[in-house]
Amino acid sequence: MTVLPQSFLIDRETARTAETDALHFTRQIFTRVGEAVSNAVETDPVDVPL
């Protein structure tokens, strides 16, 4: 069995916090991309490839 240094061991609460932060960050990215696409479509629908 491999023994990991203490710095590699995290508790469940820390893991949950990291997961929540990652999900929040991902949601922000998709929201911003969606807004950008929406704005592009509203601005000039002719130039948007289908």
N, C-alpha and C. Protein backbone atom coordinates (compact mmCIF):
# COMPACT_ATOMS: atom_id res chain seq x y z
N MET A 1 0.83 -1.18 0.00
CA MET A 1 0.00 0.00 0.00
C MET A 1 0.88 1.25 0.00
N THR A 2 0.52 2.20 -0.85
CA THR A 2 1.28 3.44 -0.94
C THR A 2 0.84 4.40 0.16
N VAL A 3 1.78 4.98 0.83
CA VAL A 3 1.48 5.95 1.88
C VAL A 3 1.63 7.34 1.28
N LEU A 4 0.55 8.12 1.34
CA LEU A 4 0.58 9.48 0.81
C LEU A 4 0.97 10.47 1.89
N PRO A 5 1.69 11.50 1.51
CA PRO A 5 1.98 12.56 2.48
C PRO A 5 0.68 13.19 2.98
N GLN A 6 0.69 13.74 4.16
CA GLN A 6 -0.51 14.33 4.76
C GLN A 6 -1.14 15.39 3.85
N SER A 7 -0.31 16.12 3.09
CA SER A 7 -0.84 17.19 2.24
C SER A 7 -1.74 16.66 1.12
N PHE A 8 -1.65 15.38 0.80
CA PHE A 8 -2.49 14.80 -0.23
C PHE A 8 -3.84 14.34 0.29
N LEU A 9 -3.98 14.28 1.57
CA LEU A 9 -5.22 13.78 2.16
C LEU A 9 -6.15 14.94 2.47
N ILE A 10 -7.37 14.87 1.95
CA ILE A 10 -8.35 15.92 2.23
C ILE A 10 -9.60 15.29 2.81
N ASP A 11 -10.30 16.03 3.62
CA ASP A 11 -11.52 15.50 4.21
C ASP A 11 -12.70 15.66 3.25
N ARG A 12 -13.79 15.06 3.60
CA ARG A 12 -14.97 15.09 2.72
C ARG A 12 -15.52 16.49 2.52
N GLU A 13 -15.49 17.30 3.56
CA GLU A 13 -16.01 18.66 3.45
C GLU A 13 -15.19 19.47 2.44
N THR A 14 -13.87 19.32 2.50
CA THR A 14 -13.00 20.02 1.54
C THR A 14 -13.27 19.52 0.13
N ALA A 15 -13.47 18.23 -0.02
CA ALA A 15 -13.76 17.66 -1.35
C ALA A 15 -15.08 18.19 -1.88
N ARG A 16 -16.08 18.26 -1.01
CA ARG A 16 -17.38 18.79 -1.42
C ARG A 16 -17.27 20.25 -1.82
N THR A 17 -16.52 21.02 -1.06
CA THR A 17 -16.33 22.44 -1.37
C THR A 17 -15.65 22.59 -2.73
N ALA A 18 -14.63 21.80 -2.97
CA ALA A 18 -13.93 21.87 -4.26
C ALA A 18 -14.86 21.49 -5.40
N GLU A 19 -15.68 20.46 -5.19
CA GLU A 19 -16.63 20.04 -6.22
C GLU A 19 -17.66 21.13 -6.48
N THR A 20 -18.17 21.74 -5.41
CA THR A 20 -19.15 22.82 -5.55
C THR A 20 -18.54 24.00 -6.30
N ASP A 21 -17.30 24.35 -5.96
CA ASP A 21 -16.62 25.45 -6.64
C ASP A 21 -16.44 25.14 -8.12
N ALA A 22 -16.07 23.91 -8.43
CA ALA A 22 -15.86 23.51 -9.83
C ALA A 22 -17.18 23.56 -10.60
N LEU A 23 -18.26 23.09 -9.98
CA LEU A 23 -19.57 23.14 -10.64
C LEU A 23 -20.02 24.57 -10.86
N HIS A 24 -19.79 25.42 -9.87
CA HIS A 24 -20.16 26.84 -9.99
C HIS A 24 -19.37 27.50 -11.12
N PHE A 25 -18.07 27.22 -11.18
CA PHE A 25 -17.21 27.77 -12.23
C PHE A 25 -17.68 27.32 -13.61
N THR A 26 -17.99 26.01 -13.72
CA THR A 26 -18.47 25.46 -14.99
C THR A 26 -19.79 26.10 -15.40
N ARG A 27 -20.69 26.27 -14.43
CA ARG A 27 -21.98 26.90 -14.71
C ARG A 27 -21.78 28.33 -15.20
N GLN A 28 -20.83 29.05 -14.60
CA GLN A 28 -20.55 30.42 -15.04
C GLN A 28 -20.06 30.45 -16.48
N ILE A 29 -19.19 29.51 -16.83
CA ILE A 29 -18.66 29.45 -18.20
C ILE A 29 -19.80 29.22 -19.18
N PHE A 30 -20.66 28.22 -18.90
CA PHE A 30 -21.76 27.93 -19.82
C PHE A 30 -22.75 29.09 -19.90
N THR A 31 -22.96 29.76 -18.78
CA THR A 31 -23.86 30.92 -18.78
C THR A 31 -23.31 32.02 -19.67
N ARG A 32 -22.01 32.30 -19.53
CA ARG A 32 -21.40 33.36 -20.33
C ARG A 32 -21.35 33.00 -21.81
N VAL A 33 -21.07 31.75 -22.12
CA VAL A 33 -21.07 31.32 -23.52
C VAL A 33 -22.48 31.44 -24.09
N GLY A 34 -23.47 31.00 -23.31
CA GLY A 34 -24.86 31.11 -23.75
C GLY A 34 -25.27 32.55 -24.00
N GLU A 35 -24.87 33.45 -23.11
CA GLU A 35 -25.18 34.86 -23.29
C GLU A 35 -24.50 35.41 -24.54
N ALA A 36 -23.26 35.02 -24.76
CA ALA A 36 -22.53 35.50 -25.94
C ALA A 36 -23.19 35.02 -27.23
N VAL A 37 -23.59 33.76 -27.24
CA VAL A 37 -24.27 33.21 -28.43
C VAL A 37 -25.61 33.91 -28.63
N SER A 38 -26.34 34.09 -27.56
CA SER A 38 -27.63 34.76 -27.62
C SER A 38 -27.47 36.18 -28.15
N ASN A 39 -26.48 36.90 -27.64
CA ASN A 39 -26.23 38.26 -28.10
C ASN A 39 -25.82 38.29 -29.57
N ALA A 40 -25.02 37.32 -29.98
CA ALA A 40 -24.59 37.25 -31.37
C ALA A 40 -25.78 37.01 -32.29
N VAL A 41 -26.68 36.12 -31.87
CA VAL A 41 -27.86 35.81 -32.69
C VAL A 41 -28.78 37.02 -32.77
N GLU A 42 -28.97 37.71 -31.65
CA GLU A 42 -29.83 38.89 -31.63
C GLU A 42 -29.24 40.04 -32.44
N THR A 43 -27.92 40.15 -32.43
CA THR A 43 -27.25 41.27 -33.10
C THR A 43 -27.28 41.12 -34.61
N ASP A 44 -26.87 39.95 -35.10
CA ASP A 44 -26.76 39.76 -36.55
C ASP A 44 -27.02 38.31 -36.91
N PRO A 45 -28.28 37.92 -37.00
CA PRO A 45 -28.60 36.51 -37.24
C PRO A 45 -28.15 36.00 -38.61
N VAL A 46 -27.87 36.89 -39.54
CA VAL A 46 -27.47 36.47 -40.88
C VAL A 46 -26.11 35.79 -40.87
N ASP A 47 -25.19 36.26 -40.00
CA ASP A 47 -23.83 35.74 -39.99
C ASP A 47 -23.61 34.53 -39.10
N VAL A 48 -24.67 34.05 -38.46
CA VAL A 48 -24.53 32.90 -37.56
C VAL A 48 -24.73 31.62 -38.36
N PRO A 49 -23.69 30.78 -38.47
CA PRO A 49 -23.84 29.52 -39.22
C PRO A 49 -24.76 28.55 -38.48
N LEU A 50 -25.54 27.84 -39.23
CA LEU A 50 -26.46 26.86 -38.62
C LEU A 50 -25.86 25.48 -38.62
